[in-house]
Amino acid sequence: MSANHTVLFYVTDPQASARFYETALGLQTLELSPGFGMLKLNDATMLGLWNRKGVLPSPEAAAGAGELGVQVADSAAVDRQHKAWIDAGITILQPPQQMDFGYTCTAADPDGHRIRVFT
């Protein structure tokens, strides 16, 4: 099995979603069309944004049923990300707080997919 992976989110508008992830996480868009966008999360992982109208088989779950987790260095980095999201007008689902697994906050993309930063 390959060491490279792609996380796929089914979205309404791949181009708008790509712009969102460029702003929300500072990602680089590598490929973009009306039906699909690809952004680089790291050297081994990509984020695919697939127009949900073209997905086969058709998706059954709604956005928000899972989340993209992004580990950061420390609690201060969680707080900085939260502030950056607020400054960018991004929907906050969970402000920074301590949980069993660590310090975390959660935002939503335009389609309702969750993005969690944690340490």
PDB file of N, CA and C in Angstrom:
ATOM      1  N   MET A   1       0.842  -1.169   0.000  1.00  0.00           N
ATOM      2  CA  MET A   1       0.000   0.000   0.000  1.00  0.00           C
ATOM      3  C   MET A   1       0.895   1.243   0.000  1.00  0.00           C
ATOM      4  N   SER A   2       0.459   2.256  -0.687  1.00  0.00           N
ATOM      5  CA  SER A   2       1.199   3.511  -0.798  1.00  0.00           C
ATOM      6  C   SER A   2       1.235   4.252   0.536  1.00  0.00           C
ATOM      7  N   ALA A   3       2.314   4.973   0.761  1.00  0.00           N
ATOM      8  CA  ALA A   3       2.418   5.809   1.951  1.00  0.00           C
ATOM      9  C   ALA A   3       1.735   7.161   1.735  1.00  0.00           C
ATOM     10  N   ASN A   4       1.270   7.416   0.517  1.00  0.00           N
ATOM     11  CA  ASN A   4       0.570   8.661   0.207  1.00  0.00           C
ATOM     12  C   ASN A   4      -0.933   8.452   0.347  1.00  0.00           C
ATOM     13  N   HIS A   5      -1.617   9.478   0.854  1.00  0.00           N
ATOM     14  CA  HIS A   5      -3.049   9.364   1.120  1.00  0.00           C
ATOM     15  C   HIS A   5      -3.777  10.626   0.685  1.00  0.00           C
ATOM     16  N   THR A   6      -5.076  10.473   0.390  1.00  0.00           N
ATOM     17  CA  THR A   6      -5.930  11.600   0.063  1.00  0.00           C
ATOM     18  C   THR A   6      -7.195  11.516   0.903  1.00  0.00           C
ATOM     19  N   VAL A   7      -7.506  12.595   1.590  1.00  0.00           N
ATOM     20  CA  VAL A   7      -8.770  12.747   2.293  1.00  0.00           C
ATOM     21  C   VAL A   7      -9.706  13.436   1.310  1.00  0.00           C
ATOM     22  N   LEU A   8     -10.894  12.871   1.098  1.00  0.00           N
ATOM     23  CA  LEU A   8     -11.858  13.445   0.158  1.00  0.00           C
ATOM     24  C   LEU A   8     -13.048  14.034   0.897  1.00  0.00           C
ATOM     25  N   PHE A   9     -13.367  15.277   0.570  1.00  0.00           N
ATOM     26  CA  PHE A   9     -14.591  15.902   1.049  1.00  0.00           C
ATOM     27  C   PHE A   9     -15.473  16.144  -0.160  1.00  0.00           C
ATOM     28  N   TYR A  10     -16.756  15.801  -0.039  1.00  0.00           N
ATOM     29  CA  TYR A  10     -17.723  16.055  -1.096  1.00  0.00           C
ATOM     30  C   TYR A  10     -18.287  17.453  -0.865  1.00  0.00           C
ATOM     31  N   VAL A  11     -18.160  18.311  -1.854  1.00  0.00           N
ATOM     32  CA  VAL A  11     -18.494  19.728  -1.689  1.00  0.00           C
ATOM     33  C   VAL A  11     -19.433  20.197  -2.798  1.00  0.00           C
ATOM     34  N   THR A  12     -20.041  21.341  -2.589  1.00  0.00           N
ATOM     35  CA  THR A  12     -20.945  21.943  -3.575  1.00  0.00           C
ATOM     36  C   THR A  12     -20.169  22.660  -4.674  1.00  0.00           C
ATOM     37  N   ASP A  13     -19.081  23.331  -4.295  1.00  0.00           N
ATOM     38  CA  ASP A  13     -18.306  24.142  -5.236  1.00  0.00           C
ATOM     39  C   ASP A  13     -16.814  23.976  -4.938  1.00  0.00           C
ATOM     40  N   PRO A  14     -16.119  23.071  -5.653  1.00  0.00           N
ATOM     41  CA  PRO A  14     -14.695  22.834  -5.380  1.00  0.00           C
ATOM     42  C   PRO A  14     -13.834  24.095  -5.438  1.00  0.00           C
ATOM     43  N   GLN A  15     -14.157  25.024  -6.322  1.00  0.00           N
ATOM     44  CA  GLN A  15     -13.346  26.238  -6.434  1.00  0.00           C
ATOM     45  C   GLN A  15     -13.507  27.114  -5.193  1.00  0.00           C
ATOM     46  N   ALA A  16     -14.723  27.291  -4.709  1.00  0.00           N
ATOM     47  CA  ALA A  16     -14.953  28.067  -3.488  1.00  0.00           C
ATOM     48  C   ALA A  16     -14.347  27.351  -2.282  1.00  0.00           C
ATOM     49  N   SER A  17     -14.472  26.039  -2.242  1.00  0.00           N
ATOM     50  CA  SER A  17     -13.905  25.275  -1.132  1.00  0.00           C
ATOM     51  C   SER A  17     -12.383  25.361  -1.125  1.00  0.00           C
ATOM     52  N   ALA A  18     -11.764  25.334  -2.301  1.00  0.00           N
ATOM     53  CA  ALA A  18     -10.306  25.464  -2.371  1.00  0.00           C
ATOM     54  C   ALA A  18      -9.868  26.814  -1.819  1.00  0.00           C
ATOM     55  N   ARG A  19     -10.573  27.868  -2.186  1.00  0.00           N
ATOM     56  CA  ARG A  19     -10.248  29.199  -1.643  1.00  0.00           C
ATOM     57  C   ARG A  19     -10.391  29.208  -0.119  1.00  0.00           C
ATOM     58  N   PHE A  20     -11.429  28.558   0.378  1.00  0.00           N
ATOM     59  CA  PHE A  20     -11.633  28.477   1.818  1.00  0.00           C
ATOM     60  C   PHE A  20     -10.431  27.814   2.495  1.00  0.00           C
ATOM     61  N   TYR A  21      -9.999  26.663   1.994  1.00  0.00           N
ATOM     62  CA  TYR A  21      -8.898  25.934   2.630  1.00  0.00           C
ATOM     63  C   TYR A  21      -7.558  26.641   2.461  1.00  0.00           C
ATOM     64  N   GLU A  22      -7.409  27.393   1.402  1.00  0.00           N
ATOM     65  CA  GLU A  22      -6.205  28.224   1.270  1.00  0.00           C
ATOM     66  C   GLU A  22      -6.166  29.241   2.407  1.00  0.00           C
ATOM     67  N   THR A  23      -7.315  29.845   2.711  1.00  0.00           N
ATOM     68  CA  THR A  23      -7.402  30.834   3.782  1.00  0.00           C
ATOM     69  C   THR A  23      -7.383  30.184   5.161  1.00  0.00           C
ATOM     70  N   ALA A  24      -8.208  29.164   5.355  1.00  0.00           N
ATOM     71  CA  ALA A  24      -8.385  28.562   6.680  1.00  0.00           C
ATOM     72  C   ALA A  24      -7.142  27.845   7.189  1.00  0.00           C
ATOM     73  N   LEU A  25      -6.423  27.152   6.296  1.00  0.00           N
ATOM     74  CA  LEU A  25      -5.269  26.362   6.719  1.00  0.00           C
ATOM     75  C   LEU A  25      -3.982  26.734   5.996  1.00  0.00           C
ATOM     76  N   GLY A  26      -4.042  27.721   5.109  1.00  0.00           N
ATOM     77  CA  GLY A  26      -2.840  28.120   4.385  1.00  0.00           C
ATOM     78  C   GLY A  26      -2.348  27.063   3.413  1.00  0.00           C
ATOM     79  N   LEU A  27      -3.269  26.269   2.868  1.00  0.00           N
ATOM     80  CA  LEU A  27      -2.892  25.185   1.956  1.00  0.00           C
ATOM     81  C   LEU A  27      -2.653  25.695   0.549  1.00  0.00           C
ATOM     82  N   GLN A  28      -1.890  24.919  -0.208  1.00  0.00           N
ATOM     83  CA  GLN A  28      -1.591  25.227  -1.605  1.00  0.00           C
ATOM     84  C   GLN A  28      -2.475  24.374  -2.507  1.00  0.00           C
ATOM     85  N   THR A  29      -3.213  25.014  -3.427  1.00  0.00           N
ATOM     86  CA  THR A  29      -4.022  24.281  -4.398  1.00  0.00           C
ATOM     87  C   THR A  29      -3.118  23.781  -5.513  1.00  0.00           C
ATOM     88  N   LEU A  30      -3.189  22.473  -5.772  1.00  0.00           N
ATOM     89  CA  LEU A  30      -2.357  21.859  -6.809  1.00  0.00           C
ATOM     90  C   LEU A  30      -3.135  21.619  -8.097  1.00  0.00           C
ATOM     91  N   GLU A  31      -4.442  21.426  -7.967  1.00  0.00           N
ATOM     92  CA  GLU A  31      -5.288  21.121  -9.126  1.00  0.00           C
ATOM     93  C   GLU A  31      -6.663  21.715  -8.841  1.00  0.00           C
ATOM     94  N   LEU A  32      -7.299  22.289  -9.876  1.00  0.00           N
ATOM     95  CA  LEU A  32      -8.612  22.880  -9.654  1.00  0.00           C
ATOM     96  C   LEU A  32      -9.416  22.882 -10.946  1.00  0.00           C
ATOM     97  N   SER A  33     -10.638  22.359 -10.857  1.00  0.00           N
ATOM     98  CA  SER A  33     -11.576  22.377 -11.970  1.00  0.00           C
ATOM     99  C   SER A  33     -12.973  22.514 -11.369  1.00  0.00           C
ATOM    100  N   PRO A  34     -14.011  22.676 -12.190  1.00  0.00           N
ATOM    101  CA  PRO A  34     -15.364  22.767 -11.620  1.00  0.00           C
ATOM    102  C   PRO A  34     -15.781  21.509 -10.857  1.00  0.00           C
ATOM    103  N   GLY A  35     -15.176  20.369 -11.184  1.00  0.00           N
ATOM    104  CA  GLY A  35     -15.574  19.117 -10.552  1.00  0.00           C
ATOM    105  C   GLY A  35     -14.671  18.632  -9.439  1.00  0.00           C
ATOM    106  N   PHE A  36     -13.444  19.200  -9.345  1.00  0.00           N
ATOM    107  CA  PHE A  36     -12.494  18.643  -8.369  1.00  0.00           C
ATOM    108  C   PHE A  36     -11.383  19.630  -8.056  1.00  0.00           C
ATOM    109  N   GLY A  37     -10.981  19.644  -6.802  1.00  0.00           N
ATOM    110  CA  GLY A  37      -9.829  20.423  -6.369  1.00  0.00           C
ATOM    111  C   GLY A  37      -8.921  19.557  -5.523  1.00  0.00           C
ATOM    112  N   MET A  38      -7.613  19.808  -5.602  1.00  0.00           N
ATOM    113  CA  MET A  38      -6.650  19.042  -4.817  1.00  0.00           C
ATOM    114  C   MET A  38      -5.705  20.020  -4.134  1.00  0.00           C
ATOM    115  N   LEU A  39      -5.589  19.879  -2.808  1.00  0.00           N
ATOM    116  CA  LEU A  39      -4.696  20.724  -2.027  1.00  0.00           C
ATOM    117  C   LEU A  39      -3.718  19.851  -1.262  1.00  0.00           C
ATOM    118  N   LYS A  40      -2.550  20.389  -1.023  1.00  0.00           N
ATOM    119  CA  LYS A  40      -1.498  19.648  -0.327  1.00  0.00           C
ATOM    120  C   LYS A  40      -1.591  19.910   1.171  1.00  0.00           C
ATOM    121  N   LEU A  41      -1.851  18.842   1.959  1.00  0.00           N
ATOM    122  CA  LEU A  41      -1.838  18.955   3.411  1.00  0.00           C
ATOM    123  C   LEU A  41      -0.404  18.842   3.942  1.00  0.00           C
ATOM    124  N   ASN A  42       0.335  17.861   3.419  1.00  0.00           N
ATOM    125  CA  ASN A  42       1.752  17.676   3.731  1.00  0.00           C
ATOM    126  C   ASN A  42       2.363  16.809   2.631  1.00  0.00           C
ATOM    127  N   ASP A  43       3.610  16.396   2.790  1.00  0.00           N
ATOM    128  CA  ASP A  43       4.284  15.658   1.721  1.00  0.00           C
ATOM    129  C   ASP A  43       3.630  14.313   1.394  1.00  0.00           C
ATOM    130  N   ALA A  44       2.843  13.763   2.316  1.00  0.00           N
ATOM    131  CA  ALA A  44       2.244  12.453   2.085  1.00  0.00           C
ATOM    132  C   ALA A  44       0.722  12.465   2.003  1.00  0.00           C
ATOM    133  N   THR A  45       0.097  13.618   2.262  1.00  0.00           N
ATOM    134  CA  THR A  45      -1.359  13.649   2.343  1.00  0.00           C
ATOM    135  C   THR A  45      -1.932  14.829   1.565  1.00  0.00           C
ATOM    136  N   MET A  46      -2.954  14.553   0.772  1.00  0.00           N
ATOM    137  CA  MET A  46      -3.651  15.571  -0.013  1.00  0.00           C
ATOM    138  C   MET A  46      -5.086  15.691   0.493  1.00  0.00           C
ATOM    139  N   LEU A  47      -5.692  16.843   0.240  1.00  0.00           N
ATOM    140  CA  LEU A  47      -7.109  17.055   0.507  1.00  0.00           C
ATOM    141  C   LEU A  47      -7.798  17.216  -0.830  1.00  0.00           C
ATOM    142  N   GLY A  48      -8.685  16.270  -1.157  1.00  0.00           N
ATOM    143  CA  GLY A  48      -9.451  16.340  -2.391  1.00  0.00           C
ATOM    144  C   GLY A  48     -10.825  16.932  -2.127  1.00  0.00           C
ATOM    145  N   LEU A  49     -11.248  17.855  -2.980  1.00  0.00           N
ATOM    146  CA  LEU A  49     -12.554  18.500  -2.874  1.00  0.00           C
ATOM    147  C   LEU A  49     -13.358  18.129  -4.121  1.00  0.00           C
ATOM    148  N   TRP A  50     -14.252  17.190  -3.974  1.00  0.00           N
ATOM    149  CA  TRP A  50     -14.957  16.580  -5.103  1.00  0.00           C
ATOM    150  C   TRP A  50     -16.388  17.113  -5.145  1.00  0.00           C
ATOM    151  N   ASN A  51     -16.803  17.636  -6.293  1.00  0.00           N
ATOM    152  CA  ASN A  51     -18.176  18.104  -6.451  1.00  0.00           C
ATOM    153  C   ASN A  51     -19.111  16.928  -6.203  1.00  0.00           C
ATOM    154  N   ARG A  52     -19.929  17.051  -5.164  1.00  0.00           N
ATOM    155  CA  ARG A  52     -20.751  15.919  -4.725  1.00  0.00           C
ATOM    156  C   ARG A  52     -21.706  15.425  -5.810  1.00  0.00           C
ATOM    157  N   LYS A  53     -22.030  16.259  -6.823  1.00  0.00           N
ATOM    158  CA  LYS A  53     -22.916  15.835  -7.914  1.00  0.00           C
ATOM    159  C   LYS A  53     -22.255  14.784  -8.802  1.00  0.00           C
ATOM    160  N   GLY A  54     -20.911  14.723  -8.809  1.00  0.00           N
ATOM    161  CA  GLY A  54     -20.219  13.774  -9.669  1.00  0.00           C
ATOM    162  C   GLY A  54     -19.702  12.539  -8.962  1.00  0.00           C
ATOM    163  N   VAL A  55     -19.947  12.405  -7.665  1.00  0.00           N
ATOM    164  CA  VAL A  55     -19.413  11.284  -6.888  1.00  0.00           C
ATOM    165  C   VAL A  55     -20.212  10.017  -7.173  1.00  0.00           C
ATOM    166  N   LEU A  56     -19.499   8.941  -7.470  1.00  0.00           N
ATOM    167  CA  LEU A  56     -20.106   7.614  -7.643  1.00  0.00           C
ATOM    168  C   LEU A  56     -19.341   6.607  -6.802  1.00  0.00           C
ATOM    169  N   PRO A  57     -20.024   5.787  -6.042  1.00  0.00           N
ATOM    170  CA  PRO A  57     -21.452   5.858  -5.767  1.00  0.00           C
ATOM    171  C   PRO A  57     -21.791   7.131  -4.989  1.00  0.00           C
ATOM    172  N   SER A  58     -23.039   7.536  -5.093  1.00  0.00           N
ATOM    173  CA  SER A  58     -23.484   8.769  -4.443  1.00  0.00           C
ATOM    174  C   SER A  58     -23.258   8.696  -2.935  1.00  0.00           C
ATOM    175  N   PRO A  59     -22.796   9.797  -2.344  1.00  0.00           N
ATOM    176  CA  PRO A  59     -22.563   9.794  -0.897  1.00  0.00           C
ATOM    177  C   PRO A  59     -23.867   9.689  -0.114  1.00  0.00           C
ATOM    178  N   GLU A  60     -23.804   8.991   1.006  1.00  0.00           N
ATOM    179  CA  GLU A  60     -24.982   8.812   1.855  1.00  0.00           C
ATOM    180  C   GLU A  60     -24.941   9.714   3.084  1.00  0.00           C
ATOM    181  N   ALA A  61     -23.758   9.981   3.605  1.00  0.00           N
ATOM    182  CA  ALA A  61     -23.633  10.778   4.821  1.00  0.00           C
ATOM    183  C   ALA A  61     -23.574  12.263   4.478  1.00  0.00           C
ATOM    184  N   ALA A  62     -24.073  13.062   5.393  1.00  0.00           N
ATOM    185  CA  ALA A  62     -24.009  14.517   5.235  1.00  0.00           C
ATOM    186  C   ALA A  62     -22.657  15.020   5.732  1.00  0.00           C
ATOM    187  N   ALA A  63     -22.264  16.190   5.287  1.00  0.00           N
ATOM    188  CA  ALA A  63     -21.043  16.820   5.782  1.00  0.00           C
ATOM    189  C   ALA A  63     -21.162  16.992   7.292  1.00  0.00           C
ATOM    190  N   GLY A  64     -20.037  16.919   7.973  1.00  0.00           N
ATOM    191  CA  GLY A  64     -20.031  17.050   9.423  1.00  0.00           C
ATOM    192  C   GLY A  64     -20.068  15.715  10.138  1.00  0.00           C
ATOM    193  N   ALA A  65     -20.203  14.619   9.382  1.00  0.00           N
ATOM    194  CA  ALA A  65     -20.227  13.290   9.978  1.00  0.00           C
ATOM    195  C   ALA A  65     -18.820  12.839  10.380  1.00  0.00           C
ATOM    196  N   GLY A  66     -17.811  13.531   9.895  1.00  0.00           N
ATOM    197  CA  GLY A  66     -16.422  13.271  10.254  1.00  0.00           C
ATOM    198  C   GLY A  66     -15.699  14.593  10.294  1.00  0.00           C
ATOM    199  N   GLU A  67     -14.391  14.540  10.529  1.00  0.00           N
ATOM    200  CA  GLU A  67     -13.647  15.788  10.578  1.00  0.00           C
ATOM    201  C   GLU A  67     -12.202  15.590  10.159  1.00  0.00           C
ATOM    202  N   LEU A  68     -11.600  16.674   9.700  1.00  0.00           N
ATOM    203  CA  LEU A  68     -10.189  16.719   9.380  1.00  0.00           C
ATOM    204  C   LEU A  68      -9.477  17.210  10.625  1.00  0.00           C
ATOM    205  N   GLY A  69      -8.608  16.387  11.180  1.00  0.00           N
ATOM    206  CA  GLY A  69      -7.856  16.756  12.374  1.00  0.00           C
ATOM    207  C   GLY A  69      -6.469  17.247  11.990  1.00  0.00           C
ATOM    208  N   VAL A  70      -6.074  18.381  12.552  1.00  0.00           N
ATOM    209  CA  VAL A  70      -4.770  18.972  12.273  1.00  0.00           C
ATOM    210  C   VAL A  70      -4.063  19.165  13.608  1.00  0.00           C
ATOM    211  N   GLN A  71      -2.998  18.395  13.825  1.00  0.00           N
ATOM    212  CA  GLN A  71      -2.245  18.513  15.069  1.00  0.00           C
ATOM    213  C   GLN A  71      -1.277  19.682  14.970  1.00  0.00           C
ATOM    214  N   VAL A  72      -1.238  20.496  16.028  1.00  0.00           N
ATOM    215  CA  VAL A  72      -0.337  21.645  16.099  1.00  0.00           C
ATOM    216  C   VAL A  72       0.583  21.479  17.306  1.00  0.00           C
ATOM    217  N   ALA A  73       1.571  22.356  17.403  1.00  0.00           N
ATOM    218  CA  ALA A  73       2.647  22.178  18.372  1.00  0.00           C
ATOM    219  C   ALA A  73       2.222  22.340  19.829  1.00  0.00           C
ATOM    220  N   ASP A  74       1.342  23.302  20.102  1.00  0.00           N
ATOM    221  CA  ASP A  74       1.025  23.585  21.501  1.00  0.00           C
ATOM    222  C   ASP A  74      -0.298  24.340  21.604  1.00  0.00           C
ATOM    223  N   SER A  75      -0.718  24.607  22.841  1.00  0.00           N
ATOM    224  CA  SER A  75      -1.992  25.301  23.084  1.00  0.00           C
ATOM    225  C   SER A  75      -2.015  26.693  22.471  1.00  0.00           C
ATOM    226  N   ALA A  76      -0.865  27.365  22.478  1.00  0.00           N
ATOM    227  CA  ALA A  76      -0.807  28.707  21.877  1.00  0.00           C
ATOM    228  C   ALA A  76      -1.116  28.641  20.383  1.00  0.00           C
ATOM    229  N   ALA A  77      -0.683  27.576  19.714  1.00  0.00           N
ATOM    230  CA  ALA A  77      -0.972  27.422  18.282  1.00  0.00           C
ATOM    231  C   ALA A  77      -2.469  27.197  18.053  1.00  0.00           C
ATOM    232  N   VAL A  78      -3.126  26.477  18.941  1.00  0.00           N
ATOM    233  CA  VAL A  78      -4.586  26.304  18.849  1.00  0.00           C
ATOM    234  C   VAL A  78      -5.260  27.669  18.979  1.00  0.00           C
ATOM    235  N   ASP A  79      -4.829  28.445  19.969  1.00  0.00           N
ATOM    236  CA  ASP A  79      -5.414  29.776  20.177  1.00  0.00           C
ATOM    237  C   ASP A  79      -5.177  30.693  18.975  1.00  0.00           C
ATOM    238  N   ARG A  80      -3.981  30.638  18.384  1.00  0.00           N
ATOM    239  CA  ARG A  80      -3.687  31.464  17.200  1.00  0.00           C
ATOM    240  C   ARG A  80      -4.571  31.060  16.027  1.00  0.00           C
ATOM    241  N   GLN A  81      -4.766  29.752  15.823  1.00  0.00           N
ATOM    242  CA  GLN A  81      -5.614  29.292  14.718  1.00  0.00           C
ATOM    243  C   GLN A  81      -7.045  29.750  14.931  1.00  0.00           C
ATOM    244  N   HIS A  82      -7.532  29.625  16.154  1.00  0.00           N
ATOM    245  CA  HIS A  82      -8.892  30.070  16.476  1.00  0.00           C
ATOM    246  C   HIS A  82      -9.060  31.552  16.151  1.00  0.00           C
ATOM    247  N   LYS A  83      -8.118  32.378  16.559  1.00  0.00           N
ATOM    248  CA  LYS A  83      -8.187  33.819  16.275  1.00  0.00           C
ATOM    249  C   LYS A  83      -8.143  34.078  14.772  1.00  0.00           C
ATOM    250  N   ALA A  84      -7.273  33.364  14.053  1.00  0.00           N
ATOM    251  CA  ALA A  84      -7.182  33.538  12.596  1.00  0.00           C
ATOM    252  C   ALA A  84      -8.506  33.181  11.935  1.00  0.00           C
ATOM    253  N   TRP A  85      -9.160  32.122  12.403  1.00  0.00           N
ATOM    254  CA  TRP A  85     -10.454  31.740  11.850  1.00  0.00           C
ATOM    255  C   TRP A  85     -11.498  32.824  12.119  1.00  0.00           C
ATOM    256  N   ILE A  86     -11.531  33.334  13.335  1.00  0.00           N
ATOM    257  CA  ILE A  86     -12.473  34.398  13.662  1.00  0.00           C
ATOM    258  C   ILE A  86     -12.218  35.615  12.776  1.00  0.00           C
ATOM    259  N   ASP A  87     -10.949  36.005  12.643  1.00  0.00           N
ATOM    260  CA  ASP A  87     -10.589  37.170  11.823  1.00  0.00           C
ATOM    261  C   ASP A  87     -10.993  36.988  10.361  1.00  0.00           C
ATOM    262  N   ALA A  88     -10.991  35.734   9.883  1.00  0.00           N
ATOM    263  CA  ALA A  88     -11.350  35.439   8.495  1.00  0.00           C
ATOM    264  C   ALA A  88     -12.858  35.219   8.318  1.00  0.00           C
ATOM    265  N   GLY A  89     -13.625  35.296   9.391  1.00  0.00           N
ATOM    266  CA  GLY A  89     -15.071  35.111   9.305  1.00  0.00           C
ATOM    267  C   GLY A  89     -15.496  33.660   9.163  1.00  0.00           C
ATOM    268  N   ILE A  90     -14.650  32.733   9.573  1.00  0.00           N
ATOM    269  CA  ILE A  90     -14.943  31.302   9.465  1.00  0.00           C
ATOM    270  C   ILE A  90     -15.837  30.877  10.630  1.00  0.00           C
ATOM    271  N   THR A  91     -16.797  30.004  10.348  1.00  0.00           N
ATOM    272  CA  THR A  91     -17.731  29.524  11.363  1.00  0.00           C
ATOM    273  C   THR A  91     -17.011  28.678  12.406  1.00  0.00           C
ATOM    274  N   ILE A  92     -17.125  29.081  13.658  1.00  0.00           N
ATOM    275  CA  ILE A  92     -16.522  28.344  14.776  1.00  0.00           C
ATOM    276  C   ILE A  92     -17.592  27.442  15.376  1.00  0.00           C
ATOM    277  N   LEU A  93     -17.300  26.156  15.453  1.00  0.00           N
ATOM    278  CA  LEU A  93     -18.219  25.200  16.067  1.00  0.00           C
ATOM    279  C   LEU A  93     -17.884  24.977  17.538  1.00  0.00           C
ATOM    280  N   GLN A  94     -16.591  25.093  17.879  1.00  0.00           N
ATOM    281  CA  GLN A  94     -16.143  24.854  19.243  1.00  0.00           C
ATOM    282  C   GLN A  94     -14.961  25.777  19.536  1.00  0.00           C
ATOM    283  N   PRO A  95     -15.112  26.687  20.483  1.00  0.00           N
ATOM    284  CA  PRO A  95     -13.974  27.525  20.847  1.00  0.00           C
ATOM    285  C   PRO A  95     -12.913  26.675  21.559  1.00  0.00           C
ATOM    286  N   PRO A  96     -11.717  27.199  21.709  1.00  0.00           N
ATOM    287  CA  PRO A  96     -10.661  26.423  22.365  1.00  0.00           C
ATOM    288  C   PRO A  96     -11.081  25.938  23.755  1.00  0.00           C
ATOM    289  N   GLN A  97     -10.811  24.667  23.994  1.00  0.00           N
ATOM    290  CA  GLN A  97     -11.097  24.091  25.300  1.00  0.00           C
ATOM    291  C   GLN A  97     -10.294  22.808  25.482  1.00  0.00           C
ATOM    292  N   GLN A  98     -10.097  22.451  26.723  1.00  0.00           N
ATOM    293  CA  GLN A  98      -9.393  21.215  27.058  1.00  0.00           C
ATOM    294  C   GLN A  98     -10.386  20.058  26.986  1.00  0.00           C
ATOM    295  N   MET A  99      -9.965  18.964  26.318  1.00  0.00           N
ATOM    296  CA  MET A  99     -10.777  17.747  26.255  1.00  0.00           C
ATOM    297  C   MET A  99      -9.893  16.587  26.673  1.00  0.00           C
ATOM    298  N   ASP A 100     -10.446  15.369  26.716  1.00  0.00           N
ATOM    299  CA  ASP A 100      -9.691  14.195  27.159  1.00  0.00           C
ATOM    300  C   ASP A 100      -8.407  13.986  26.366  1.00  0.00           C
ATOM    301  N   PHE A 101      -8.431  14.270  25.070  1.00  0.00           N
ATOM    302  CA  PHE A 101      -7.285  14.004  24.196  1.00  0.00           C
ATOM    303  C   PHE A 101      -6.341  15.194  24.061  1.00  0.00           C
ATOM    304  N   GLY A 102      -6.739  16.379  24.563  1.00  0.00           N
ATOM    305  CA  GLY A 102      -5.878  17.549  24.463  1.00  0.00           C
ATOM    306  C   GLY A 102      -6.665  18.831  24.303  1.00  0.00           C
ATOM    307  N   TYR A 103      -5.953  19.916  24.052  1.00  0.00           N
ATOM    308  CA  TYR A 103      -6.538  21.241  23.860  1.00  0.00           C
ATOM    309  C   TYR A 103      -6.941  21.366  22.396  1.00  0.00           C
ATOM    310  N   THR A 104      -8.135  21.897  22.111  1.00  0.00           N
ATOM    311  CA  THR A 104      -8.675  21.828  20.756  1.00  0.00           C
ATOM    312  C   THR A 104      -9.669  22.952  20.475  1.00  0.00           C
ATOM    313  N   CYS A 105      -9.891  23.225  19.195  1.00  0.00           N
ATOM    314  CA  CYS A 105     -11.013  24.039  18.723  1.00  0.00           C
ATOM    315  C   CYS A 105     -11.439  23.487  17.361  1.00  0.00           C
ATOM    316  N   THR A 106     -12.679  23.794  16.962  1.00  0.00           N
ATOM    317  CA  THR A 106     -13.240  23.228  15.740  1.00  0.00           C
ATOM    318  C   THR A 106     -13.974  24.299  14.944  1.00  0.00           C
ATOM    319  N   ALA A 107     -13.784  24.272  13.621  1.00  0.00           N
ATOM    320  CA  ALA A 107     -14.461  25.180  12.699  1.00  0.00           C
ATOM    321  C   ALA A 107     -15.186  24.355  11.637  1.00  0.00           C
ATOM    322  N   ALA A 108     -15.984  25.041  10.822  1.00  0.00           N
ATOM    323  CA  ALA A 108     -16.707  24.382   9.729  1.00  0.00           C
ATOM    324  C   ALA A 108     -16.379  25.058   8.417  1.00  0.00           C
ATOM    325  N   ASP A 109     -16.286  24.253   7.352  1.00  0.00           N
ATOM    326  CA  ASP A 109     -16.099  24.826   6.015  1.00  0.00           C
ATOM    327  C   ASP A 109     -17.470  25.196   5.445  1.00  0.00           C
ATOM    328  N   PRO A 110     -17.533  25.771   4.244  1.00  0.00           N
ATOM    329  CA  PRO A 110     -18.828  26.208   3.690  1.00  0.00           C
ATOM    330  C   PRO A 110     -19.856  25.090   3.523  1.00  0.00           C
ATOM    331  N   ASP A 111     -19.393  23.840   3.409  1.00  0.00           N
ATOM    332  CA  ASP A 111     -20.314  22.713   3.259  1.00  0.00           C
ATOM    333  C   ASP A 111     -20.665  22.057   4.584  1.00  0.00           C
ATOM    334  N   GLY A 112     -20.033  22.491   5.671  1.00  0.00           N
ATOM    335  CA  GLY A 112     -20.301  21.910   6.986  1.00  0.00           C
ATOM    336  C   GLY A 112     -19.293  20.868   7.424  1.00  0.00           C
ATOM    337  N   HIS A 113     -18.238  20.616   6.642  1.00  0.00           N
ATOM    338  CA  HIS A 113     -17.193  19.693   7.071  1.00  0.00           C
ATOM    339  C   HIS A 113     -16.446  20.317   8.240  1.00  0.00           C
ATOM    340  N   ARG A 114     -16.089  19.486   9.199  1.00  0.00           N
ATOM    341  CA  ARG A 114     -15.414  19.972  10.402  1.00  0.00           C
ATOM    342  C   ARG A 114     -13.899  19.943  10.243  1.00  0.00           C
ATOM    343  N   ILE A 115     -13.262  20.991  10.786  1.00  0.00           N
ATOM    344  CA  ILE A 115     -11.798  21.069  10.848  1.00  0.00           C
ATOM    345  C   ILE A 115     -11.451  21.253  12.322  1.00  0.00           C
ATOM    346  N   ARG A 116     -10.693  20.325  12.865  1.00  0.00           N
ATOM    347  CA  ARG A 116     -10.313  20.392  14.273  1.00  0.00           C
ATOM    348  C   ARG A 116      -8.803  20.568  14.366  1.00  0.00           C
ATOM    349  N   VAL A 117      -8.359  21.590  15.086  1.00  0.00           N
ATOM    350  CA  VAL A 117      -6.948  21.705  15.434  1.00  0.00           C
ATOM    351  C   VAL A 117      -6.824  21.297  16.892  1.00  0.00           C
ATOM    352  N   PHE A 118      -5.719  20.624  17.206  1.00  0.00           N
ATOM    353  CA  PHE A 118      -5.554  20.096  18.561  1.00  0.00           C
ATOM    354  C   PHE A 118      -4.075  19.925  18.888  1.00  0.00           C
ATOM    355  N   THR A 119      -3.807  19.861  20.178  1.00  0.00           N
ATOM    356  CA  THR A 119      -2.481  19.500  20.656  1.00  0.00           C
ATOM    357  C   THR A 119      -2.604  18.542  21.803  1.00  0.00           C
TER     358      THR A 119
END
